[in-house]
């Protein structure tokens, strides 16, 4: 599951850091690829695919208006899993 840690805006870009943890243990998931889209179907990717660090974190950089819904996907998701919905 992804959780927002913080967000800052610099020169029109908003940076958001997410932590991916194991739902059953709460431990960070390291080396997992994550990507963000503006649609629930996952077709409009809005930042490069990033890989979680040793703390299970990635920082996305968005050039989108505040309040834009974004959907966070990861390589471990089952086909029936929904992406995590957040906002820029």
C-alpha atoms as a PDB file:
ATOM      1  CA  UNK A   1       0.000   0.000   0.000  1.00  0.00           C
ATOM      2  CA  UNK A   2       1.210   3.531  -0.696  1.00  0.00           C
ATOM      3  CA  UNK A   3       1.042   6.429   1.696  1.00  0.00           C
ATOM      4  CA  UNK A   4       1.866  10.082   1.137  1.00  0.00           C
ATOM      5  CA  UNK A   5       4.743  11.268   3.301  1.00  0.00           C
ATOM      6  CA  UNK A   6       4.927  14.821   2.120  1.00  0.00           C
ATOM      7  CA  UNK A   7       4.629  17.144  -0.823  1.00  0.00           C
ATOM      8  CA  UNK A   8       6.472  20.273  -1.906  1.00  0.00           C
ATOM      9  CA  UNK A   9       6.053  22.508  -4.957  1.00  0.00           C
ATOM     10  CA  UNK A  10       9.118  23.880  -6.749  1.00  0.00           C
ATOM     11  CA  UNK A  11       9.011  25.868 -10.008  1.00  0.00           C
ATOM     12  CA  UNK A  12       5.542  24.566 -10.939  1.00  0.00           C
ATOM     13  CA  UNK A  13       6.375  20.937 -10.185  1.00  0.00           C
ATOM     14  CA  UNK A  14       4.930  19.150  -7.188  1.00  0.00           C
ATOM     15  CA  UNK A  15       7.062  16.458  -5.581  1.00  0.00           C
ATOM     16  CA  UNK A  16       5.284  13.746  -3.604  1.00  0.00           C
ATOM     17  CA  UNK A  17       7.044  11.012  -1.676  1.00  0.00           C
ATOM     18  CA  UNK A  18       5.330   7.667  -1.166  1.00  0.00           C
ATOM     19  CA  UNK A  19       6.217   4.743   1.040  1.00  0.00           C
ATOM     20  CA  UNK A  20       5.267   1.242  -0.035  1.00  0.00           C
ATOM     21  CA  UNK A  21       4.889  -1.240   2.823  1.00  0.00           C
ATOM     22  CA  UNK A  22       3.841  -4.829   3.219  1.00  0.00           C
ATOM     23  CA  UNK A  23       0.193  -4.765   4.362  1.00  0.00           C
ATOM     24  CA  UNK A  24       0.668  -7.671   6.775  1.00  0.00           C
ATOM     25  CA  UNK A  25       4.027  -6.736   8.360  1.00  0.00           C
ATOM     26  CA  UNK A  26       4.219  -2.984   7.869  1.00  0.00           C
ATOM     27  CA  UNK A  27       7.805  -3.365   6.637  1.00  0.00           C
ATOM     28  CA  UNK A  28       8.984  -1.279   3.667  1.00  0.00           C
ATOM     29  CA  UNK A  29       9.082  -3.002   0.288  1.00  0.00           C
ATOM     30  CA  UNK A  30      12.476  -2.398  -1.328  1.00  0.00           C
ATOM     31  CA  UNK A  31      13.215  -2.486  -5.064  1.00  0.00           C
ATOM     32  CA  UNK A  32       9.597  -2.333  -6.238  1.00  0.00           C
ATOM     33  CA  UNK A  33       8.749  -0.385  -9.375  1.00  0.00           C
ATOM     34  CA  UNK A  34       5.987   2.228  -8.986  1.00  0.00           C
ATOM     35  CA  UNK A  35       4.384   4.531 -11.526  1.00  0.00           C
ATOM     36  CA  UNK A  36       1.637   7.149 -11.497  1.00  0.00           C
ATOM     37  CA  UNK A  37      -1.225   7.786 -13.904  1.00  0.00           C
ATOM     38  CA  UNK A  38      -4.056  10.308 -14.108  1.00  0.00           C
ATOM     39  CA  UNK A  39      -6.599   7.611 -14.954  1.00  0.00           C
ATOM     40  CA  UNK A  40      -7.862   4.491 -13.155  1.00  0.00           C
ATOM     41  CA  UNK A  41      -7.250   2.376 -16.232  1.00  0.00           C
ATOM     42  CA  UNK A  42      -3.514   3.103 -15.988  1.00  0.00           C
ATOM     43  CA  UNK A  43      -3.024   4.404 -19.528  1.00  0.00           C
ATOM     44  CA  UNK A  44      -1.861   8.006 -18.937  1.00  0.00           C
ATOM     45  CA  UNK A  45       1.450   7.733 -17.066  1.00  0.00           C
ATOM     46  CA  UNK A  46       2.539  11.123 -15.692  1.00  0.00           C
ATOM     47  CA  UNK A  47       6.046  10.464 -14.358  1.00  0.00           C
ATOM     48  CA  UNK A  48       8.777   7.940 -15.049  1.00  0.00           C
ATOM     49  CA  UNK A  49       8.636   4.542 -13.394  1.00  0.00           C
ATOM     50  CA  UNK A  50      10.588   4.749 -10.154  1.00  0.00           C
ATOM     51  CA  UNK A  51      11.992   2.055  -7.849  1.00  0.00           C
ATOM     52  CA  UNK A  52      11.576   2.099  -4.060  1.00  0.00           C
ATOM     53  CA  UNK A  53      14.697   2.689  -1.983  1.00  0.00           C
ATOM     54  CA  UNK A  54      15.775   0.929   1.244  1.00  0.00           C
ATOM     55  CA  UNK A  55      12.993   2.728   3.134  1.00  0.00           C
ATOM     56  CA  UNK A  56      10.378   1.643   0.552  1.00  0.00           C
ATOM     57  CA  UNK A  57      10.113   5.218  -0.729  1.00  0.00           C
ATOM     58  CA  UNK A  58       9.918   6.920  -4.118  1.00  0.00           C
ATOM     59  CA  UNK A  59       9.508  10.597  -4.957  1.00  0.00           C
ATOM     60  CA  UNK A  60       7.321  11.479  -7.927  1.00  0.00           C
ATOM     61  CA  UNK A  61       7.511  14.841  -9.698  1.00  0.00           C
ATOM     62  CA  UNK A  62       4.268  16.106 -11.210  1.00  0.00           C
ATOM     63  CA  UNK A  63       3.590  19.076 -13.446  1.00  0.00           C
ATOM     64  CA  UNK A  64      -0.159  18.952 -12.815  1.00  0.00           C
ATOM     65  CA  UNK A  65      -2.636  21.374 -11.211  1.00  0.00           C
ATOM     66  CA  UNK A  66      -3.195  20.997  -7.471  1.00  0.00           C
ATOM     67  CA  UNK A  67      -6.095  18.663  -6.748  1.00  0.00           C
ATOM     68  CA  UNK A  68      -5.548  16.494  -9.844  1.00  0.00           C
ATOM     69  CA  UNK A  69      -6.310  12.857  -8.984  1.00  0.00           C
ATOM     70  CA  UNK A  70      -3.410  10.463  -9.511  1.00  0.00           C
ATOM     71  CA  UNK A  71      -3.292   6.696  -9.266  1.00  0.00           C
ATOM     72  CA  UNK A  72      -0.231   4.849  -7.969  1.00  0.00           C
ATOM     73  CA  UNK A  73       0.542   1.413  -9.399  1.00  0.00           C
ATOM     74  CA  UNK A  74       3.188  -1.155  -8.470  1.00  0.00           C
ATOM     75  CA  UNK A  75       4.608  -4.337  -9.973  1.00  0.00           C
ATOM     76  CA  UNK A  76       3.300  -6.505  -7.105  1.00  0.00           C
ATOM     77  CA  UNK A  77      -0.351  -5.630  -7.672  1.00  0.00           C
ATOM     78  CA  UNK A  78      -2.664  -8.465  -8.634  1.00  0.00           C
ATOM     79  CA  UNK A  79      -4.796  -7.895 -11.713  1.00  0.00           C
ATOM     80  CA  UNK A  80      -7.911  -7.333  -9.592  1.00  0.00           C
ATOM     81  CA  UNK A  81      -6.186  -4.834  -7.230  1.00  0.00           C
ATOM     82  CA  UNK A  82      -7.109  -1.171  -7.521  1.00  0.00           C
ATOM     83  CA  UNK A  83      -4.346   1.449  -7.621  1.00  0.00           C
ATOM     84  CA  UNK A  84      -3.871   3.791  -4.695  1.00  0.00           C
ATOM     85  CA  UNK A  85      -5.766   7.046  -5.379  1.00  0.00           C
ATOM     86  CA  UNK A  86      -4.120  10.297  -4.264  1.00  0.00           C
ATOM     87  CA  UNK A  87      -4.138  13.976  -5.279  1.00  0.00           C
ATOM     88  CA  UNK A  88      -1.414  16.280  -6.536  1.00  0.00           C
END
